[in-house]
Amino acid sequence: MIELEDKIGYLFKNKQLLINALTHSSYKNENNLEIDNERLEFLGDSLLGFISAEYLFKKFEKSQEGKLSRLRASEVCEKSLANFAIQLELGKFIRLGKGELASGGADRPSILSNAFEAIIAAIYLDGGMEPAKKFVLRFVNIEGIKEDEFVDYKTLLQEVVQQTPGERLEYVNVAEYGPAHERTFEVEVHLNNNPISKGTGSSKKKSEQMAAKAALELMGIKI
């Protein structure tokens, strides 16, 4: 558990909370345990919603409810949470039943995202709101976006590229650096296998957006 605590960036006083957060229902059922991570996931989901909403409310002071909701939805969807869990390598720590493990449960987005939310709740119960916020905001931290502006650079770039039949766009992760609890990702945009731009961010998703933005600027497209 020390390895995972280092990745999370939080040292638990009550280690059992972390163990519970990593216990899938399949493991509980196979081993006749009383607790799995579903109740923690329920609490973690609410905490994640509140923390991300408060962050966006303060960061984008002039944005209306609809835009704030879209921003939050883009950051805390299942796919995003699963990616956050992958960054922490949660899959190798989650306790799964034999059947679930054999069927690839350690890589399943729903299981990873639920475990991520359960860990938020475990941190909150163990240390309160501040460490829970610190953990969440390592991930829910929208970079490179100005007030009243949220641009999906990847979608825009895809639309530009599609105007020329046969063009193929790909995002390639070329580097990761920094401590386990504060990783920086570097991604290249490849057009027809040729690198044309690069971007960095605290997650692959953010670095891909920055790489797409750089590609658009290279093409002379003003955003």
C-alpha atoms as a PDB file:
ATOM      1  CA  MET A   1       0.000   0.000   0.000  1.00  0.00           C
ATOM      2  CA  ILE A   2       2.946   2.336   0.499  1.00  0.00           C
ATOM      3  CA  GLU A   3       3.559   2.390  -3.260  1.00  0.00           C
ATOM      4  CA  LEU A   4      -0.041   3.405  -3.950  1.00  0.00           C
ATOM      5  CA  GLU A   5      -0.061   6.005  -1.169  1.00  0.00           C
ATOM      6  CA  ASP A   6       2.995   7.533  -2.792  1.00  0.00           C
ATOM      7  CA  LYS A   7       1.187   7.684  -6.140  1.00  0.00           C
ATOM      8  CA  ILE A   8      -1.919   9.149  -4.514  1.00  0.00           C
ATOM      9  CA  GLY A   9       0.154  11.663  -2.563  1.00  0.00           C
ATOM     10  CA  TYR A  10      -1.630  10.934   0.723  1.00  0.00           C
ATOM     11  CA  LEU A  11      -0.627   8.810   3.720  1.00  0.00           C
ATOM     12  CA  PHE A  12      -3.626   7.119   5.327  1.00  0.00           C
ATOM     13  CA  LYS A  13      -3.979   7.000   9.077  1.00  0.00           C
ATOM     14  CA  ASN A  14      -6.630   4.287   8.710  1.00  0.00           C
ATOM     15  CA  LYS A  15      -5.236   1.905   6.087  1.00  0.00           C
ATOM     16  CA  GLN A  16      -8.466  -0.107   6.092  1.00  0.00           C
ATOM     17  CA  LEU A  17     -10.243   2.754   4.309  1.00  0.00           C
ATOM     18  CA  LEU A  18      -7.836   2.461   1.398  1.00  0.00           C
ATOM     19  CA  ILE A  19      -8.200  -1.323   1.352  1.00  0.00           C
ATOM     20  CA  ASN A  20     -11.993  -0.956   1.265  1.00  0.00           C
ATOM     21  CA  ALA A  21     -11.754   1.547  -1.587  1.00  0.00           C
ATOM     22  CA  LEU A  22      -9.834  -1.039  -3.610  1.00  0.00           C
ATOM     23  CA  THR A  23     -12.167  -3.967  -2.857  1.00  0.00           C
ATOM     24  CA  HIS A  24     -14.499  -4.836  -5.730  1.00  0.00           C
ATOM     25  CA  SER A  25     -17.800  -6.579  -5.013  1.00  0.00           C
ATOM     26  CA  SER A  26     -16.571  -9.721  -6.830  1.00  0.00           C
ATOM     27  CA  TYR A  27     -13.691 -10.038  -4.358  1.00  0.00           C
ATOM     28  CA  LYS A  28     -16.004  -9.434  -1.411  1.00  0.00           C
ATOM     29  CA  ASN A  29     -18.408 -12.139  -2.574  1.00  0.00           C
ATOM     30  CA  GLU A  30     -15.681 -14.715  -3.238  1.00  0.00           C
ATOM     31  CA  ASN A  31     -14.050 -14.133   0.136  1.00  0.00           C
ATOM     32  CA  ASN A  32     -17.206 -13.688   2.252  1.00  0.00           C
ATOM     33  CA  LEU A  33     -16.262 -10.161   3.286  1.00  0.00           C
ATOM     34  CA  GLU A  34     -18.721  -7.607   4.620  1.00  0.00           C
ATOM     35  CA  ILE A  35     -17.448  -4.511   2.778  1.00  0.00           C
ATOM     36  CA  ASP A  36     -16.641  -3.580  -0.803  1.00  0.00           C
ATOM     37  CA  ASN A  37     -16.048  -0.162  -2.374  1.00  0.00           C
ATOM     38  CA  GLU A  38     -19.583   0.593  -3.539  1.00  0.00           C
ATOM     39  CA  ARG A  39     -20.604   2.775  -0.585  1.00  0.00           C
ATOM     40  CA  LEU A  40     -17.323   4.679  -0.826  1.00  0.00           C
ATOM     41  CA  GLU A  41     -17.857   5.093  -4.571  1.00  0.00           C
ATOM     42  CA  PHE A  42     -21.294   6.612  -3.863  1.00  0.00           C
ATOM     43  CA  LEU A  43     -19.791   9.169  -1.481  1.00  0.00           C
ATOM     44  CA  GLY A  44     -16.793   9.801  -3.723  1.00  0.00           C
ATOM     45  CA  ASP A  45     -19.050  10.573  -6.681  1.00  0.00           C
ATOM     46  CA  SER A  46     -20.798  13.302  -4.674  1.00  0.00           C
ATOM     47  CA  LEU A  47     -17.508  14.710  -3.392  1.00  0.00           C
ATOM     48  CA  LEU A  48     -16.069  14.768  -6.906  1.00  0.00           C
ATOM     49  CA  GLY A  49     -19.134  16.614  -8.169  1.00  0.00           C
ATOM     50  CA  PHE A  50     -18.920  19.230  -5.419  1.00  0.00           C
ATOM     51  CA  ILE A  51     -15.157  19.770  -5.623  1.00  0.00           C
ATOM     52  CA  SER A  52     -15.134  20.080  -9.412  1.00  0.00           C
ATOM     53  CA  ALA A  53     -18.194  22.367  -9.383  1.00  0.00           C
ATOM     54  CA  GLU A  54     -16.631  24.662  -6.771  1.00  0.00           C
ATOM     55  CA  TYR A  55     -13.367  24.767  -8.730  1.00  0.00           C
ATOM     56  CA  LEU A  56     -15.074  25.682 -12.000  1.00  0.00           C
ATOM     57  CA  PHE A  57     -17.394  28.191 -10.285  1.00  0.00           C
ATOM     58  CA  LYS A  58     -14.403  30.078  -8.911  1.00  0.00           C
ATOM     59  CA  LYS A  59     -12.203  29.755 -12.001  1.00  0.00           C
ATOM     60  CA  PHE A  60     -14.803  30.870 -14.553  1.00  0.00           C
ATOM     61  CA  GLU A  61     -16.550  33.727 -12.758  1.00  0.00           C
ATOM     62  CA  LYS A  62     -18.539  34.926 -15.790  1.00  0.00           C
ATOM     63  CA  SER A  63     -19.572  31.570 -17.216  1.00  0.00           C
ATOM     64  CA  GLN A  64     -23.199  30.502 -17.033  1.00  0.00           C
ATOM     65  CA  GLU A  65     -24.563  27.236 -15.652  1.00  0.00           C
ATOM     66  CA  GLY A  66     -24.735  25.484 -19.027  1.00  0.00           C
ATOM     67  CA  LYS A  67     -21.084  26.065 -19.844  1.00  0.00           C
ATOM     68  CA  LEU A  68     -19.980  25.117 -16.326  1.00  0.00           C
ATOM     69  CA  SER A  69     -21.977  21.888 -16.577  1.00  0.00           C
ATOM     70  CA  ARG A  70     -20.344  21.002 -19.900  1.00  0.00           C
ATOM     71  CA  LEU A  71     -16.905  21.717 -18.492  1.00  0.00           C
ATOM     72  CA  ARG A  72     -17.545  19.524 -15.470  1.00  0.00           C
ATOM     73  CA  ALA A  73     -19.032  16.737 -17.594  1.00  0.00           C
ATOM     74  CA  SER A  74     -15.942  16.704 -19.814  1.00  0.00           C
ATOM     75  CA  GLU A  75     -13.643  16.367 -16.805  1.00  0.00           C
ATOM     76  CA  VAL A  76     -15.477  13.846 -14.627  1.00  0.00           C
ATOM     77  CA  CYS A  77     -17.001  11.423 -17.135  1.00  0.00           C
ATOM     78  CA  GLU A  78     -16.248   7.713 -16.762  1.00  0.00           C
ATOM     79  CA  LYS A  79     -13.583   7.816 -19.479  1.00  0.00           C
ATOM     80  CA  SER A  80     -11.758  10.697 -17.775  1.00  0.00           C
ATOM     81  CA  LEU A  81     -11.898   9.054 -14.350  1.00  0.00           C
ATOM     82  CA  ALA A  82     -10.642   5.773 -15.809  1.00  0.00           C
ATOM     83  CA  ASN A  83      -7.731   7.650 -17.369  1.00  0.00           C
ATOM     84  CA  PHE A  84      -6.959   9.246 -14.007  1.00  0.00           C
ATOM     85  CA  ALA A  85      -6.980   5.766 -12.450  1.00  0.00           C
ATOM     86  CA  ILE A  86      -4.623   4.506 -15.152  1.00  0.00           C
ATOM     87  CA  GLN A  87      -2.202   7.305 -14.311  1.00  0.00           C
ATOM     88  CA  LEU A  88      -2.186   6.004 -10.736  1.00  0.00           C
ATOM     89  CA  GLU A  89      -1.902   2.382 -11.966  1.00  0.00           C
ATOM     90  CA  LEU A  90      -4.929   1.522  -9.856  1.00  0.00           C
ATOM     91  CA  GLY A  91      -5.602  -1.613 -11.857  1.00  0.00           C
ATOM     92  CA  LYS A  92      -2.783  -3.515 -10.220  1.00  0.00           C
ATOM     93  CA  PHE A  93      -4.008  -2.613  -6.711  1.00  0.00           C
ATOM     94  CA  ILE A  94      -7.767  -3.268  -7.035  1.00  0.00           C
ATOM     95  CA  ARG A  95      -8.866  -6.483  -5.318  1.00  0.00           C
ATOM     96  CA  LEU A  96     -10.949  -8.463  -7.814  1.00  0.00           C
ATOM     97  CA  GLY A  97     -12.590 -11.869  -7.778  1.00  0.00           C
ATOM     98  CA  LYS A  98     -10.891 -14.557  -9.850  1.00  0.00           C
ATOM     99  CA  GLY A  99     -13.502 -14.464 -12.597  1.00  0.00           C
ATOM    100  CA  GLU A 100     -13.473 -10.664 -12.825  1.00  0.00           C
ATOM    101  CA  LEU A 101      -9.684 -10.628 -12.889  1.00  0.00           C
ATOM    102  CA  ALA A 102      -9.542 -13.282 -15.619  1.00  0.00           C
ATOM    103  CA  SER A 103     -11.986 -11.318 -17.792  1.00  0.00           C
ATOM    104  CA  GLY A 104      -9.856  -8.151 -17.722  1.00  0.00           C
ATOM    105  CA  GLY A 105     -11.593  -6.348 -14.879  1.00  0.00           C
ATOM    106  CA  ALA A 106      -8.394  -4.566 -13.863  1.00  0.00           C
ATOM    107  CA  ASP A 107      -8.550  -2.625 -17.139  1.00  0.00           C
ATOM    108  CA  ARG A 108     -12.325  -2.071 -17.288  1.00  0.00           C
ATOM    109  CA  PRO A 109     -13.174   1.668 -17.284  1.00  0.00           C
ATOM    110  CA  SER A 110     -16.213   1.252 -15.004  1.00  0.00           C
ATOM    111  CA  ILE A 111     -14.184  -0.590 -12.355  1.00  0.00           C
ATOM    112  CA  LEU A 112     -11.282   1.873 -12.585  1.00  0.00           C
ATOM    113  CA  SER A 113     -13.498   4.951 -12.405  1.00  0.00           C
ATOM    114  CA  ASN A 114     -15.454   3.564  -9.447  1.00  0.00           C
ATOM    115  CA  ALA A 115     -12.246   2.799  -7.573  1.00  0.00           C
ATOM    116  CA  PHE A 116     -10.982   6.326  -8.270  1.00  0.00           C
ATOM    117  CA  GLU A 117     -14.160   7.789  -6.754  1.00  0.00           C
ATOM    118  CA  ALA A 118     -13.930   5.400  -3.802  1.00  0.00           C
ATOM    119  CA  ILE A 119     -10.404   6.642  -3.092  1.00  0.00           C
ATOM    120  CA  ILE A 120     -11.674  10.239  -3.024  1.00  0.00           C
ATOM    121  CA  ALA A 121     -14.157   9.200  -0.326  1.00  0.00           C
ATOM    122  CA  ALA A 122     -11.508   7.255   1.593  1.00  0.00           C
ATOM    123  CA  ILE A 123      -9.225  10.287   1.668  1.00  0.00           C
ATOM    124  CA  TYR A 124     -12.122  12.488   2.794  1.00  0.00           C
ATOM    125  CA  LEU A 125     -13.121  10.135   5.628  1.00  0.00           C
ATOM    126  CA  ASP A 126      -9.511   9.732   6.728  1.00  0.00           C
ATOM    127  CA  GLY A 127      -8.306  13.329   6.514  1.00  0.00           C
ATOM    128  CA  GLY A 128     -11.190  15.663   5.699  1.00  0.00           C
ATOM    129  CA  MET A 129     -12.077  17.878   2.770  1.00  0.00           C
ATOM    130  CA  GLU A 130      -8.730  19.596   2.161  1.00  0.00           C
ATOM    131  CA  PRO A 131      -6.677  16.496   1.245  1.00  0.00           C
ATOM    132  CA  ALA A 132      -9.635  15.224  -0.792  1.00  0.00           C
ATOM    133  CA  LYS A 133      -9.699  18.518  -2.726  1.00  0.00           C
ATOM    134  CA  LYS A 134      -5.949  18.420  -3.219  1.00  0.00           C
ATOM    135  CA  PHE A 135      -6.193  14.930  -4.686  1.00  0.00           C
ATOM    136  CA  VAL A 136      -9.116  15.717  -7.006  1.00  0.00           C
ATOM    137  CA  LEU A 137      -7.667  18.997  -8.269  1.00  0.00           C
ATOM    138  CA  ARG A 138      -4.490  17.267  -9.411  1.00  0.00           C
ATOM    139  CA  PHE A 139      -6.686  15.863 -12.155  1.00  0.00           C
ATOM    140  CA  VAL A 140      -9.656  18.226 -12.519  1.00  0.00           C
ATOM    141  CA  ASN A 141      -7.519  21.185 -13.505  1.00  0.00           C
ATOM    142  CA  ILE A 142      -8.422  22.578 -16.917  1.00  0.00           C
ATOM    143  CA  GLU A 143      -5.282  24.083 -18.423  1.00  0.00           C
ATOM    144  CA  GLY A 144      -4.844  26.672 -21.138  1.00  0.00           C
ATOM    145  CA  ILE A 145      -8.438  27.918 -21.094  1.00  0.00           C
ATOM    146  CA  LYS A 146      -9.320  31.592 -20.739  1.00  0.00           C
ATOM    147  CA  GLU A 147     -12.370  33.109 -19.080  1.00  0.00           C
ATOM    148  CA  ASP A 148     -15.603  32.373 -20.994  1.00  0.00           C
ATOM    149  CA  GLU A 149     -13.753  30.039 -23.356  1.00  0.00           C
ATOM    150  CA  PHE A 150     -13.747  26.289 -23.690  1.00  0.00           C
ATOM    151  CA  VAL A 151     -12.508  25.010 -27.019  1.00  0.00           C
ATOM    152  CA  ASP A 152     -12.233  21.363 -27.983  1.00  0.00           C
ATOM    153  CA  TYR A 153      -9.055  21.714 -30.047  1.00  0.00           C
ATOM    154  CA  LYS A 154      -8.980  18.020 -30.946  1.00  0.00           C
ATOM    155  CA  THR A 155     -12.422  18.167 -32.533  1.00  0.00           C
ATOM    156  CA  LEU A 156     -11.560  21.345 -34.422  1.00  0.00           C
ATOM    157  CA  LEU A 157      -8.340  19.821 -35.730  1.00  0.00           C
ATOM    158  CA  GLN A 158     -10.165  16.661 -36.781  1.00  0.00           C
ATOM    159  CA  GLU A 159     -12.690  18.751 -38.710  1.00  0.00           C
ATOM    160  CA  VAL A 160      -9.892  20.602 -40.494  1.00  0.00           C
ATOM    161  CA  VAL A 161      -8.040  17.405 -41.398  1.00  0.00           C
ATOM    162  CA  GLN A 162     -11.202  15.704 -42.663  1.00  0.00           C
ATOM    163  CA  GLN A 163     -11.558  18.388 -45.322  1.00  0.00           C
ATOM    164  CA  THR A 164      -8.754  16.598 -47.186  1.00  0.00           C
ATOM    165  CA  PRO A 165      -9.724  12.989 -48.037  1.00  0.00           C
ATOM    166  CA  GLY A 166      -7.220  10.363 -46.951  1.00  0.00           C
ATOM    167  CA  GLU A 167      -5.503  12.461 -44.257  1.00  0.00           C
ATOM    168  CA  ARG A 168      -4.849  10.493 -41.063  1.00  0.00           C
ATOM    169  CA  LEU A 169      -4.453  12.050 -37.616  1.00  0.00           C
ATOM    170  CA  GLU A 170      -2.889  10.331 -34.596  1.00  0.00           C
ATOM    171  CA  TYR A 171      -1.868  11.341 -31.058  1.00  0.00           C
ATOM    172  CA  VAL A 172       1.328   9.715 -29.787  1.00  0.00           C
ATOM    173  CA  ASN A 173       2.448   9.781 -26.154  1.00  0.00           C
ATOM    174  CA  VAL A 174       6.198  10.408 -26.415  1.00  0.00           C
ATOM    175  CA  ALA A 175       7.253  11.115 -22.817  1.00  0.00           C
ATOM    176  CA  GLU A 176       6.200  11.110 -19.173  1.00  0.00           C
ATOM    177  CA  TYR A 177       8.197  12.733 -16.419  1.00  0.00           C
ATOM    178  CA  GLY A 178       7.970  14.057 -12.879  1.00  0.00           C
ATOM    179  CA  PRO A 179       7.157  12.276  -9.583  1.00  0.00           C
ATOM    180  CA  ALA A 180       4.414   9.650  -9.541  1.00  0.00           C
ATOM    181  CA  HIS A 181       1.906  11.963  -7.855  1.00  0.00           C
ATOM    182  CA  GLU A 182       2.616  14.891 -10.208  1.00  0.00           C
ATOM    183  CA  ARG A 183       3.222  13.494 -13.691  1.00  0.00           C
ATOM    184  CA  THR A 184       3.656  15.564 -16.853  1.00  0.00           C
ATOM    185  CA  PHE A 185       2.714  14.011 -20.186  1.00  0.00           C
ATOM    186  CA  GLU A 186       4.112  15.001 -23.590  1.00  0.00           C
ATOM    187  CA  VAL A 187       2.132  14.164 -26.714  1.00  0.00           C
ATOM    188  CA  GLU A 188       2.820  14.663 -30.420  1.00  0.00           C
ATOM    189  CA  VAL A 189       0.251  15.116 -33.165  1.00  0.00           C
ATOM    190  CA  HIS A 190       1.110  12.989 -36.188  1.00  0.00           C
ATOM    191  CA  LEU A 191      -0.404  13.754 -39.579  1.00  0.00           C
ATOM    192  CA  ASN A 192       0.060  10.831 -41.969  1.00  0.00           C
ATOM    193  CA  ASN A 193       2.756   9.455 -39.593  1.00  0.00           C
ATOM    194  CA  ASN A 194       4.660  12.780 -39.564  1.00  0.00           C
ATOM    195  CA  PRO A 195       4.914  14.710 -36.282  1.00  0.00           C
ATOM    196  CA  ILE A 196       3.618  18.267 -36.716  1.00  0.00           C
ATOM    197  CA  SER A 197       3.171  19.605 -33.173  1.00  0.00           C
ATOM    198  CA  LYS A 198       3.646  18.817 -29.513  1.00  0.00           C
ATOM    199  CA  GLY A 199       1.812  19.522 -26.264  1.00  0.00           C
ATOM    200  CA  THR A 200       2.269  18.903 -22.539  1.00  0.00           C
ATOM    201  CA  GLY A 201      -0.136  18.617 -19.617  1.00  0.00           C
ATOM    202  CA  SER A 202      -0.866  16.921 -16.301  1.00  0.00           C
ATOM    203  CA  SER A 203      -2.840  14.205 -18.118  1.00  0.00           C
ATOM    204  CA  LYS A 204      -2.793  12.630 -21.568  1.00  0.00           C
ATOM    205  CA  LYS A 205      -6.135  14.275 -22.300  1.00  0.00           C
ATOM    206  CA  LYS A 206      -4.842  17.756 -21.528  1.00  0.00           C
ATOM    207  CA  SER A 207      -1.580  17.249 -23.402  1.00  0.00           C
ATOM    208  CA  GLU A 208      -3.509  16.053 -26.466  1.00  0.00           C
ATOM    209  CA  GLN A 209      -5.633  19.212 -26.375  1.00  0.00           C
ATOM    210  CA  MET A 210      -2.522  21.381 -26.165  1.00  0.00           C
ATOM    211  CA  ALA A 211      -0.875  19.479 -29.025  1.00  0.00           C
ATOM    212  CA  ALA A 212      -3.994  19.933 -31.164  1.00  0.00           C
ATOM    213  CA  LYS A 213      -4.038  23.655 -30.345  1.00  0.00           C
ATOM    214  CA  ALA A 214      -0.391  23.938 -31.434  1.00  0.00           C
ATOM    215  CA  ALA A 215      -1.193  22.135 -34.691  1.00  0.00           C
ATOM    216  CA  LEU A 216      -4.067  24.512 -35.436  1.00  0.00           C
ATOM    217  CA  GLU A 217      -1.808  27.509 -34.792  1.00  0.00           C
ATOM    218  CA  LEU A 218       0.801  25.981 -37.100  1.00  0.00           C
ATOM    219  CA  MET A 219      -1.854  25.800 -39.790  1.00  0.00           C
ATOM    220  CA  GLY A 220      -2.563  29.482 -39.308  1.00  0.00           C
ATOM    221  CA  ILE A 221      -5.982  28.893 -37.742  1.00  0.00           C
ATOM    222  CA  LYS A 222      -6.811  31.496 -35.089  1.00  0.00           C
ATOM    223  CA  ILE A 223      -8.740  30.185 -32.080  1.00  0.00           C
END
